[in-house]
N, C-alpha and C. Protein backbone atom coordinates (compact mmCIF):
# COMPACT_ATOMS: atom_id res chain seq x y z
N MET A 1 0.70 -17.99 17.59
CA MET A 1 0.98 -16.93 16.66
C MET A 1 -0.23 -16.74 15.74
N LYS A 2 -0.64 -15.49 15.56
CA LYS A 2 -1.77 -15.17 14.70
C LYS A 2 -1.28 -14.94 13.28
N HIS A 3 -1.94 -15.56 12.32
CA HIS A 3 -1.56 -15.40 10.91
C HIS A 3 -2.39 -14.32 10.26
N TYR A 4 -1.73 -13.52 9.42
CA TYR A 4 -2.40 -12.47 8.67
C TYR A 4 -3.11 -13.12 7.49
N PRO A 5 -4.36 -12.75 7.22
CA PRO A 5 -5.10 -13.37 6.11
C PRO A 5 -4.37 -13.18 4.77
N ILE A 6 -4.18 -14.25 4.05
CA ILE A 6 -3.41 -14.22 2.81
C ILE A 6 -4.03 -13.29 1.77
N ASP A 7 -5.36 -13.25 1.69
CA ASP A 7 -6.00 -12.36 0.73
C ASP A 7 -5.75 -10.90 1.07
N ALA A 8 -5.77 -10.56 2.34
CA ALA A 8 -5.48 -9.18 2.76
C ALA A 8 -4.04 -8.81 2.45
N LEU A 9 -3.13 -9.74 2.69
CA LEU A 9 -1.72 -9.51 2.38
C LEU A 9 -1.53 -9.24 0.90
N TRP A 10 -2.15 -10.06 0.05
CA TRP A 10 -2.01 -9.88 -1.40
C TRP A 10 -2.60 -8.55 -1.85
N GLN A 11 -3.73 -8.15 -1.28
CA GLN A 11 -4.30 -6.85 -1.63
C GLN A 11 -3.34 -5.71 -1.28
N GLU A 12 -2.70 -5.81 -0.14
CA GLU A 12 -1.71 -4.79 0.26
C GLU A 12 -0.52 -4.79 -0.69
N LEU A 13 -0.02 -5.98 -1.02
CA LEU A 13 1.12 -6.08 -1.92
C LEU A 13 0.80 -5.53 -3.31
N ILE A 14 -0.38 -5.85 -3.81
CA ILE A 14 -0.79 -5.36 -5.13
C ILE A 14 -0.90 -3.84 -5.11
N TYR A 15 -1.51 -3.30 -4.10
CA TYR A 15 -1.69 -1.85 -3.97
C TYR A 15 -0.33 -1.14 -3.97
N LEU A 16 0.59 -1.62 -3.15
CA LEU A 16 1.90 -0.98 -3.07
C LEU A 16 2.72 -1.20 -4.33
N ALA A 17 2.66 -2.39 -4.91
CA ALA A 17 3.40 -2.65 -6.14
C ALA A 17 2.92 -1.72 -7.25
N TYR A 18 1.61 -1.52 -7.34
CA TYR A 18 1.03 -0.67 -8.37
C TYR A 18 1.49 0.78 -8.21
N HIS A 19 1.44 1.27 -7.00
CA HIS A 19 1.74 2.68 -6.76
C HIS A 19 3.23 2.99 -6.60
N LEU A 20 3.98 2.07 -6.04
CA LEU A 20 5.41 2.34 -5.78
C LEU A 20 6.33 1.70 -6.82
N HIS A 21 5.78 0.77 -7.60
CA HIS A 21 6.59 0.06 -8.62
C HIS A 21 7.76 -0.69 -7.99
N TRP A 22 7.50 -1.27 -6.82
CA TRP A 22 8.51 -2.09 -6.15
C TRP A 22 8.27 -3.55 -6.52
N ASP A 23 9.36 -4.32 -6.49
CA ASP A 23 9.20 -5.74 -6.80
C ASP A 23 8.65 -6.51 -5.59
N LEU A 24 8.14 -7.69 -5.87
CA LEU A 24 7.48 -8.50 -4.85
C LEU A 24 8.40 -8.83 -3.68
N ASP A 25 9.65 -9.16 -3.96
CA ASP A 25 10.58 -9.50 -2.88
C ASP A 25 10.75 -8.35 -1.90
N ARG A 26 10.87 -7.15 -2.43
CA ARG A 26 11.04 -5.97 -1.56
C ARG A 26 9.80 -5.77 -0.69
N LEU A 27 8.63 -5.94 -1.27
CA LEU A 27 7.39 -5.74 -0.53
C LEU A 27 7.17 -6.82 0.52
N ILE A 28 7.47 -8.07 0.17
CA ILE A 28 7.28 -9.17 1.12
C ILE A 28 8.21 -9.04 2.31
N ASP A 29 9.39 -8.46 2.10
CA ASP A 29 10.35 -8.30 3.19
C ASP A 29 9.94 -7.25 4.22
N LEU A 30 8.95 -6.43 3.90
CA LEU A 30 8.51 -5.39 4.83
C LEU A 30 7.82 -6.00 6.05
N GLU A 31 8.04 -5.40 7.19
CA GLU A 31 7.29 -5.76 8.38
C GLU A 31 5.86 -5.26 8.20
N HIS A 32 4.92 -5.88 8.88
CA HIS A 32 3.51 -5.50 8.74
C HIS A 32 3.31 -4.02 9.05
N ALA A 33 3.89 -3.53 10.12
CA ALA A 33 3.70 -2.12 10.51
C ALA A 33 4.26 -1.18 9.43
N ASP A 34 5.38 -1.52 8.85
CA ASP A 34 5.96 -0.70 7.79
C ASP A 34 5.07 -0.71 6.55
N ARG A 35 4.56 -1.88 6.22
CA ARG A 35 3.68 -2.01 5.06
C ARG A 35 2.40 -1.20 5.28
N ALA A 36 1.85 -1.26 6.47
CA ALA A 36 0.64 -0.51 6.79
C ALA A 36 0.89 0.99 6.73
N ARG A 37 2.04 1.42 7.19
CA ARG A 37 2.38 2.85 7.14
C ARG A 37 2.54 3.33 5.70
N LEU A 38 3.15 2.52 4.86
CA LEU A 38 3.28 2.87 3.45
C LEU A 38 1.91 2.95 2.78
N ILE A 39 1.03 2.03 3.10
CA ILE A 39 -0.32 2.04 2.54
C ILE A 39 -1.04 3.32 2.94
N GLN A 40 -0.93 3.70 4.20
CA GLN A 40 -1.57 4.94 4.66
C GLN A 40 -1.00 6.15 3.93
N GLY A 41 0.31 6.17 3.74
CA GLY A 41 0.95 7.28 3.05
C GLY A 41 0.53 7.37 1.59
N VAL A 42 0.51 6.25 0.90
CA VAL A 42 0.09 6.23 -0.50
C VAL A 42 -1.38 6.63 -0.61
N ALA A 43 -2.22 6.13 0.28
CA ALA A 43 -3.64 6.48 0.25
C ALA A 43 -3.83 7.98 0.48
N ALA A 44 -3.06 8.57 1.37
CA ALA A 44 -3.16 10.01 1.61
C ALA A 44 -2.73 10.80 0.37
N LEU A 45 -1.67 10.37 -0.29
CA LEU A 45 -1.25 11.04 -1.52
C LEU A 45 -2.31 10.92 -2.60
N ASN A 46 -2.91 9.75 -2.73
CA ASN A 46 -3.98 9.55 -3.71
C ASN A 46 -5.18 10.44 -3.41
N ALA A 47 -5.56 10.52 -2.14
CA ALA A 47 -6.70 11.35 -1.76
C ALA A 47 -6.42 12.82 -2.07
N ARG A 48 -5.22 13.27 -1.77
CA ARG A 48 -4.86 14.66 -2.04
C ARG A 48 -4.88 14.93 -3.55
N ALA A 49 -4.36 14.00 -4.35
CA ALA A 49 -4.36 14.17 -5.80
C ALA A 49 -5.78 14.24 -6.34
N TRP A 50 -6.67 13.36 -5.85
CA TRP A 50 -8.05 13.37 -6.31
C TRP A 50 -8.77 14.64 -5.88
N ASP A 51 -8.45 15.14 -4.70
CA ASP A 51 -9.05 16.41 -4.25
C ASP A 51 -8.67 17.55 -5.19
N GLU A 52 -7.43 17.56 -5.62
CA GLU A 52 -6.98 18.60 -6.55
C GLU A 52 -7.66 18.46 -7.90
N VAL A 53 -7.84 17.23 -8.37
CA VAL A 53 -8.53 17.01 -9.65
C VAL A 53 -9.97 17.49 -9.56
N ARG A 54 -10.62 17.22 -8.46
CA ARG A 54 -12.02 17.62 -8.29
C ARG A 54 -12.19 19.14 -8.25
N GLN A 55 -11.16 19.86 -7.83
CA GLN A 55 -11.23 21.31 -7.74
C GLN A 55 -11.03 21.99 -9.09
N LEU A 56 -10.61 21.25 -10.11
CA LEU A 56 -10.39 21.84 -11.43
C LEU A 56 -11.68 22.19 -12.13
């Protein structure tokens, strides 16, 4: 079984906790694929928001 690097996991958890305001237990319970999909979604929303700010 391959282990996910603990530092990478914590960076993902911190990113999602900051943006989604979810507690640690809820985030840790996510499957890796679900967590990765949420990260992609949040990153896309952030990119879109920054694009709009830059256009002002």
